Amino acid sequence: MVSAEGEKVPLGKNLKARGNVEAWLSQVEQSMAVCLRKLARAGHQSYPSQARTQWVTQYPSQLVLLISQ
């Protein structure tokens, strides 16, 4: 998944658009939630040990805002 700002979040594999559209979109949504949860956990763990300027550019903006509050 790539945002308009150029941020990239990998959704995983095996998400081919085949069959029932509603089922496929549900799989995309589940995959996105799992990926963002993993990134949030990693960002939260690395926050205290990294320089903020480096940390901010390493994670998606929404997660940066969530973790740094």
PDB file of N, CA and C in Angstrom:
ATOM      1  N   MET A   1       0.850  -1.156   0.000  1.00  0.00           N
ATOM      2  CA  MET A   1       0.000   0.000   0.000  1.00  0.00           C
ATOM      3  C   MET A   1       0.904   1.229   0.000  1.00  0.00           C
ATOM      4  N   VAL A   2       0.636   2.191  -0.864  1.00  0.00           N
ATOM      5  CA  VAL A   2       1.438   3.401  -0.975  1.00  0.00           C
ATOM      6  C   VAL A   2       0.508   4.608  -0.842  1.00  0.00           C
ATOM      7  N   SER A   3       0.850   5.515   0.064  1.00  0.00           N
ATOM      8  CA  SER A   3       0.033   6.709   0.263  1.00  0.00           C
ATOM      9  C   SER A   3       0.365   7.772  -0.774  1.00  0.00           C
ATOM     10  N   ALA A   4      -0.429   8.827  -0.794  1.00  0.00           N
ATOM     11  CA  ALA A   4      -0.179   9.943  -1.710  1.00  0.00           C
ATOM     12  C   ALA A   4       1.131  10.639  -1.384  1.00  0.00           C
ATOM     13  N   GLU A   5       1.564  10.555  -0.121  1.00  0.00           N
ATOM     14  CA  GLU A   5       2.814  11.173   0.312  1.00  0.00           C
ATOM     15  C   GLU A   5       4.023  10.293   0.034  1.00  0.00           C
ATOM     16  N   GLY A   6       3.795   9.089  -0.450  1.00  0.00           N
ATOM     17  CA  GLY A   6       4.889   8.188  -0.774  1.00  0.00           C
ATOM     18  C   GLY A   6       5.249   7.204   0.335  1.00  0.00           C
ATOM     19  N   GLU A   7       4.491   7.197   1.424  1.00  0.00           N
ATOM     20  CA  GLU A   7       4.755   6.233   2.506  1.00  0.00           C
ATOM     21  C   GLU A   7       4.304   4.851   2.054  1.00  0.00           C
ATOM     22  N   LYS A   8       5.126   3.855   2.347  1.00  0.00           N
ATOM     23  CA  LYS A   8       4.821   2.492   1.923  1.00  0.00           C
ATOM     24  C   LYS A   8       4.579   1.611   3.136  1.00  0.00           C
ATOM     25  N   VAL A   9       3.494   0.833   3.071  1.00  0.00           N
ATOM     26  CA  VAL A   9       3.168  -0.150   4.101  1.00  0.00           C
ATOM     27  C   VAL A   9       2.891  -1.460   3.378  1.00  0.00           C
ATOM     28  N   PRO A  10       3.742  -2.472   3.595  1.00  0.00           N
ATOM     29  CA  PRO A  10       3.516  -3.755   2.915  1.00  0.00           C
ATOM     30  C   PRO A  10       2.276  -4.451   3.473  1.00  0.00           C
ATOM     31  N   LEU A  11       1.465  -4.996   2.596  1.00  0.00           N
ATOM     32  CA  LEU A  11       0.243  -5.670   3.035  1.00  0.00           C
ATOM     33  C   LEU A  11       0.402  -7.174   3.134  1.00  0.00           C
ATOM     34  N   GLY A  12       1.488  -7.699   2.695  1.00  0.00           N
ATOM     35  CA  GLY A  12       1.666  -9.141   2.734  1.00  0.00           C
ATOM     36  C   GLY A  12       1.427  -9.749   1.368  1.00  0.00           C
ATOM     37  N   LYS A  13       1.446 -11.053   1.353  1.00  0.00           N
ATOM     38  CA  LYS A  13       1.302 -11.771   0.090  1.00  0.00           C
ATOM     39  C   LYS A  13      -0.063 -12.450   0.036  1.00  0.00           C
ATOM     40  N   ASN A  14      -0.353 -13.029  -1.103  1.00  0.00           N
ATOM     41  CA  ASN A  14      -1.582 -13.795  -1.315  1.00  0.00           C
ATOM     42  C   ASN A  14      -2.840 -12.940  -1.234  1.00  0.00           C
ATOM     43  N   LEU A  15      -2.773 -11.697  -1.686  1.00  0.00           N
ATOM     44  CA  LEU A  15      -3.951 -10.836  -1.710  1.00  0.00           C
ATOM     45  C   LEU A  15      -4.345 -10.550  -3.156  1.00  0.00           C
ATOM     46  N   LYS A  16      -4.638 -11.581  -3.889  1.00  0.00           N
ATOM     47  CA  LYS A  16      -5.000 -11.421  -5.290  1.00  0.00           C
ATOM     48  C   LYS A  16      -6.489 -11.120  -5.398  1.00  0.00           C
ATOM     49  N   ALA A  17      -6.814 -10.181  -6.255  1.00  0.00           N
ATOM     50  CA  ALA A  17      -8.207  -9.767  -6.452  1.00  0.00           C
ATOM     51  C   ALA A  17      -8.935 -10.797  -7.309  1.00  0.00           C
ATOM     52  N   ARG A  18      -9.454 -11.791  -6.639  1.00  0.00           N
ATOM     53  CA  ARG A  18     -10.201 -12.845  -7.328  1.00  0.00           C
ATOM     54  C   ARG A  18     -11.436 -13.193  -6.518  1.00  0.00           C
ATOM     55  N   GLY A  19     -12.459 -13.614  -7.214  1.00  0.00           N
ATOM     56  CA  GLY A  19     -13.674 -14.065  -6.539  1.00  0.00           C
ATOM     57  C   GLY A  19     -14.514 -12.910  -6.009  1.00  0.00           C
ATOM     58  N   ASN A  20     -15.159 -13.157  -4.894  1.00  0.00           N
ATOM     59  CA  ASN A  20     -16.076 -12.212  -4.278  1.00  0.00           C
ATOM     60  C   ASN A  20     -15.334 -10.944  -3.836  1.00  0.00           C
ATOM     61  N   VAL A  21     -15.770  -9.791  -4.333  1.00  0.00           N
ATOM     62  CA  VAL A  21     -15.098  -8.525  -4.036  1.00  0.00           C
ATOM     63  C   VAL A  21     -15.151  -8.208  -2.543  1.00  0.00           C
ATOM     64  N   GLU A  22     -16.288  -8.449  -1.916  1.00  0.00           N
ATOM     65  CA  GLU A  22     -16.437  -8.148  -0.493  1.00  0.00           C
ATOM     66  C   GLU A  22     -15.483  -8.982   0.353  1.00  0.00           C
ATOM     67  N   ALA A  23     -15.315 -10.242   0.003  1.00  0.00           N
ATOM     68  CA  ALA A  23     -14.392 -11.114   0.733  1.00  0.00           C
ATOM     69  C   ALA A  23     -12.952 -10.647   0.525  1.00  0.00           C
ATOM     70  N   TRP A  24     -12.604 -10.255  -0.695  1.00  0.00           N
ATOM     71  CA  TRP A  24     -11.250  -9.781  -0.981  1.00  0.00           C
ATOM     72  C   TRP A  24     -10.959  -8.499  -0.207  1.00  0.00           C
ATOM     73  N   LEU A  25     -11.899  -7.561  -0.197  1.00  0.00           N
ATOM     74  CA  LEU A  25     -11.694  -6.316   0.538  1.00  0.00           C
ATOM     75  C   LEU A  25     -11.573  -6.572   2.036  1.00  0.00           C
ATOM     76  N   SER A  26     -12.296  -7.537   2.535  1.00  0.00           N
ATOM     77  CA  SER A  26     -12.177  -7.912   3.942  1.00  0.00           C
ATOM     78  C   SER A  26     -10.785  -8.448   4.246  1.00  0.00           C
ATOM     79  N   GLN A  27     -10.237  -9.248   3.337  1.00  0.00           N
ATOM     80  CA  GLN A  27      -8.871  -9.766   3.503  1.00  0.00           C
ATOM     81  C   GLN A  27      -7.853  -8.628   3.464  1.00  0.00           C
ATOM     82  N   VAL A  28      -8.048  -7.662   2.578  1.00  0.00           N
ATOM     83  CA  VAL A  28      -7.153  -6.506   2.491  1.00  0.00           C
ATOM     84  C   VAL A  28      -7.190  -5.731   3.802  1.00  0.00           C
ATOM     85  N   GLU A  29      -8.391  -5.514   4.329  1.00  0.00           N
ATOM     86  CA  GLU A  29      -8.548  -4.783   5.591  1.00  0.00           C
ATOM     87  C   GLU A  29      -7.866  -5.515   6.751  1.00  0.00           C
ATOM     88  N   GLN A  30      -8.042  -6.818   6.828  1.00  0.00           N
ATOM     89  CA  GLN A  30      -7.416  -7.604   7.892  1.00  0.00           C
ATOM     90  C   GLN A  30      -5.894  -7.568   7.768  1.00  0.00           C
ATOM     91  N   SER A  31      -5.396  -7.698   6.559  1.00  0.00           N
ATOM     92  CA  SER A  31      -3.958  -7.674   6.329  1.00  0.00           C
ATOM     93  C   SER A  31      -3.370  -6.314   6.696  1.00  0.00           C
ATOM     94  N   MET A  32      -4.078  -5.246   6.363  1.00  0.00           N
ATOM     95  CA  MET A  32      -3.628  -3.902   6.681  1.00  0.00           C
ATOM     96  C   MET A  32      -3.562  -3.706   8.198  1.00  0.00           C
ATOM     97  N   ALA A  33      -4.580  -4.170   8.919  1.00  0.00           N
ATOM     98  CA  ALA A  33      -4.595  -4.039  10.375  1.00  0.00           C
ATOM     99  C   ALA A  33      -3.445  -4.804  11.017  1.00  0.00           C
ATOM    100  N   VAL A  34      -3.176  -6.004  10.550  1.00  0.00           N
ATOM    101  CA  VAL A  34      -2.076  -6.811  11.091  1.00  0.00           C
ATOM    102  C   VAL A  34      -0.740  -6.118  10.844  1.00  0.00           C
ATOM    103  N   CYS A  35      -0.551  -5.618   9.636  1.00  0.00           N
ATOM    104  CA  CYS A  35       0.701  -4.951   9.289  1.00  0.00           C
ATOM    105  C   CYS A  35       0.901  -3.688  10.119  1.00  0.00           C
ATOM    106  N   LEU A  36      -0.130  -2.869  10.258  1.00  0.00           N
ATOM    107  CA  LEU A  36      -0.006  -1.630  11.033  1.00  0.00           C
ATOM    108  C   LEU A  36       0.209  -1.922  12.516  1.00  0.00           C
ATOM    109  N   ARG A  37      -0.394  -2.988  13.005  1.00  0.00           N
ATOM    110  CA  ARG A  37      -0.176  -3.380  14.403  1.00  0.00           C
ATOM    111  C   ARG A  37       1.294  -3.759  14.629  1.00  0.00           C
ATOM    112  N   LYS A  38       1.873  -4.507  13.700  1.00  0.00           N
ATOM    113  CA  LYS A  38       3.287  -4.887  13.808  1.00  0.00           C
ATOM    114  C   LYS A  38       4.192  -3.659  13.741  1.00  0.00           C
ATOM    115  N   LEU A  39       3.888  -2.750  12.817  1.00  0.00           N
ATOM    116  CA  LEU A  39       4.686  -1.531  12.704  1.00  0.00           C
ATOM    117  C   LEU A  39       4.562  -0.668  13.954  1.00  0.00           C
ATOM    118  N   ALA A  40       3.361  -0.590  14.521  1.00  0.00           N
ATOM    119  CA  ALA A  40       3.154   0.199  15.742  1.00  0.00           C
ATOM    120  C   ALA A  40       3.945  -0.392  16.899  1.00  0.00           C
ATOM    121  N   ARG A  41       3.941  -1.700  17.012  1.00  0.00           N
ATOM    122  CA  ARG A  41       4.706  -2.353  18.081  1.00  0.00           C
ATOM    123  C   ARG A  41       6.200  -2.087  17.917  1.00  0.00           C
ATOM    124  N   ALA A  42       6.692  -2.219  16.703  1.00  0.00           N
ATOM    125  CA  ALA A  42       8.114  -1.974  16.445  1.00  0.00           C
ATOM    126  C   ALA A  42       8.470  -0.511  16.689  1.00  0.00           C
ATOM    127  N   GLY A  43       7.602   0.389  16.270  1.00  0.00           N
ATOM    128  CA  GLY A  43       7.854   1.809  16.483  1.00  0.00           C
ATOM    129  C   GLY A  43       7.855   2.183  17.946  1.00  0.00           C
ATOM    130  N   HIS A  44       6.946   1.596  18.699  1.00  0.00           N
ATOM    131  CA  HIS A  44       6.871   1.865  20.139  1.00  0.00           C
ATOM    132  C   HIS A  44       8.120   1.363  20.856  1.00  0.00           C
ATOM    133  N   GLN A  45       8.617   0.211  20.445  1.00  0.00           N
ATOM    134  CA  GLN A  45       9.810  -0.353  21.076  1.00  0.00           C
ATOM    135  C   GLN A  45      11.069   0.425  20.717  1.00  0.00           C
ATOM    136  N   SER A  46      11.136   0.940  19.505  1.00  0.00           N
ATOM    137  CA  SER A  46      12.353   1.644  19.089  1.00  0.00           C
ATOM    138  C   SER A  46      12.333   3.132  19.447  1.00  0.00           C
ATOM    139  N   TYR A  47      11.195   3.658  19.864  1.00  0.00           N
ATOM    140  CA  TYR A  47      11.069   5.094  20.163  1.00  0.00           C
ATOM    141  C   TYR A  47      12.077   5.596  21.194  1.00  0.00           C
ATOM    142  N   PRO A  48      12.259   4.929  22.340  1.00  0.00           N
ATOM    143  CA  PRO A  48      13.185   5.466  23.339  1.00  0.00           C
ATOM    144  C   PRO A  48      14.662   5.389  22.933  1.00  0.00           C
ATOM    145  N   SER A  49      15.003   4.476  22.050  1.00  0.00           N
ATOM    146  CA  SER A  49      16.422   4.244  21.766  1.00  0.00           C
ATOM    147  C   SER A  49      16.945   4.946  20.510  1.00  0.00           C
ATOM    148  N   GLN A  50      16.071   5.481  19.677  1.00  0.00           N
ATOM    149  CA  GLN A  50      16.514   6.112  18.434  1.00  0.00           C
ATOM    150  C   GLN A  50      16.418   7.625  18.534  1.00  0.00           C
ATOM    151  N   ALA A  51      17.226   8.294  17.740  1.00  0.00           N
ATOM    152  CA  ALA A  51      17.093   9.744  17.622  1.00  0.00           C
ATOM    153  C   ALA A  51      15.747  10.047  16.976  1.00  0.00           C
ATOM    154  N   ARG A  52      15.044  11.041  17.496  1.00  0.00           N
ATOM    155  CA  ARG A  52      13.694  11.337  17.015  1.00  0.00           C
ATOM    156  C   ARG A  52      13.674  11.651  15.519  1.00  0.00           C
ATOM    157  N   THR A  53      14.652  12.378  15.025  1.00  0.00           N
ATOM    158  CA  THR A  53      14.664  12.732  13.606  1.00  0.00           C
ATOM    159  C   THR A  53      14.752  11.495  12.714  1.00  0.00           C
ATOM    160  N   GLN A  54      15.481  10.503  13.144  1.00  0.00           N
ATOM    161  CA  GLN A  54      15.582   9.253  12.386  1.00  0.00           C
ATOM    162  C   GLN A  54      14.304   8.433  12.561  1.00  0.00           C
ATOM    163  N   TRP A  55      13.793   8.379  13.771  1.00  0.00           N
ATOM    164  CA  TRP A  55      12.612   7.575  14.083  1.00  0.00           C
ATOM    165  C   TRP A  55      11.387   8.061  13.310  1.00  0.00           C
ATOM    166  N   VAL A  56      11.212   9.376  13.220  1.00  0.00           N
ATOM    167  CA  VAL A  56      10.040   9.956  12.554  1.00  0.00           C
ATOM    168  C   VAL A  56       9.991   9.584  11.078  1.00  0.00           C
ATOM    169  N   THR A  57      11.139   9.495  10.438  1.00  0.00           N
ATOM    170  CA  THR A  57      11.158   9.175   9.008  1.00  0.00           C
ATOM    171  C   THR A  57      11.075   7.681   8.723  1.00  0.00           C
ATOM    172  N   GLN A  58      11.188   6.875   9.760  1.00  0.00           N
ATOM    173  CA  GLN A  58      11.214   5.421   9.576  1.00  0.00           C
ATOM    174  C   GLN A  58       9.818   4.796   9.571  1.00  0.00           C
ATOM    175  N   TYR A  59       8.805   5.472  10.128  1.00  0.00           N
ATOM    176  CA  TYR A  59       7.468   4.902  10.278  1.00  0.00           C
ATOM    177  C   TYR A  59       6.416   5.782   9.612  1.00  0.00           C
ATOM    178  N   PRO A  60       5.258   5.208   9.251  1.00  0.00           N
ATOM    179  CA  PRO A  60       4.180   6.004   8.661  1.00  0.00           C
ATOM    180  C   PRO A  60       3.715   7.120   9.615  1.00  0.00           C
ATOM    181  N   SER A  61       3.299   8.231   9.044  1.00  0.00           N
ATOM    182  CA  SER A  61       2.945   9.428   9.815  1.00  0.00           C
ATOM    183  C   SER A  61       1.884   9.171  10.880  1.00  0.00           C
ATOM    184  N   GLN A  62       0.849   8.417  10.554  1.00  0.00           N
ATOM    185  CA  GLN A  62      -0.214   8.153  11.531  1.00  0.00           C
ATOM    186  C   GLN A  62       0.333   7.405  12.744  1.00  0.00           C
ATOM    187  N   LEU A  63       1.248   6.480  12.515  1.00  0.00           N
ATOM    188  CA  LEU A  63       1.834   5.749  13.638  1.00  0.00           C
ATOM    189  C   LEU A  63       2.767   6.638  14.445  1.00  0.00           C
ATOM    190  N   VAL A  64       3.482   7.531  13.786  1.00  0.00           N
ATOM    191  CA  VAL A  64       4.354   8.467  14.489  1.00  0.00           C
ATOM    192  C   VAL A  64       3.522   9.323  15.438  1.00  0.00           C
ATOM    193  N   LEU A  65       2.412   9.833  14.945  1.00  0.00           N
ATOM    194  CA  LEU A  65       1.535  10.652  15.782  1.00  0.00           C
ATOM    195  C   LEU A  65       0.957   9.845  16.943  1.00  0.00           C
ATOM    196  N   LEU A  66       0.527   8.647  16.668  1.00  0.00           N
ATOM    197  CA  LEU A  66      -0.048   7.792  17.709  1.00  0.00           C
ATOM    198  C   LEU A  66       0.960   7.457  18.795  1.00  0.00           C
ATOM    199  N   ILE A  67       2.135   7.053  18.424  1.00  0.00           N
ATOM    200  CA  ILE A  67       3.142   6.593  19.381  1.00  0.00           C
ATOM    201  C   ILE A  67       3.744   7.751  20.164  1.00  0.00           C
ATOM    202  N   SER A  68       3.942   8.883  19.530  1.00  0.00           N
ATOM    203  CA  SER A  68       4.635   9.982  20.197  1.00  0.00           C
ATOM    204  C   SER A  68       3.735  10.774  21.139  1.00  0.00           C
ATOM    205  N   GLN A  69       2.455  10.497  21.175  1.00  0.00           N
ATOM    206  CA  GLN A  69       1.553  11.235  22.078  1.00  0.00           C
ATOM    207  C   GLN A  69       1.589  10.677  23.475  1.00  0.00           C
TER     208      GLN A  69
END
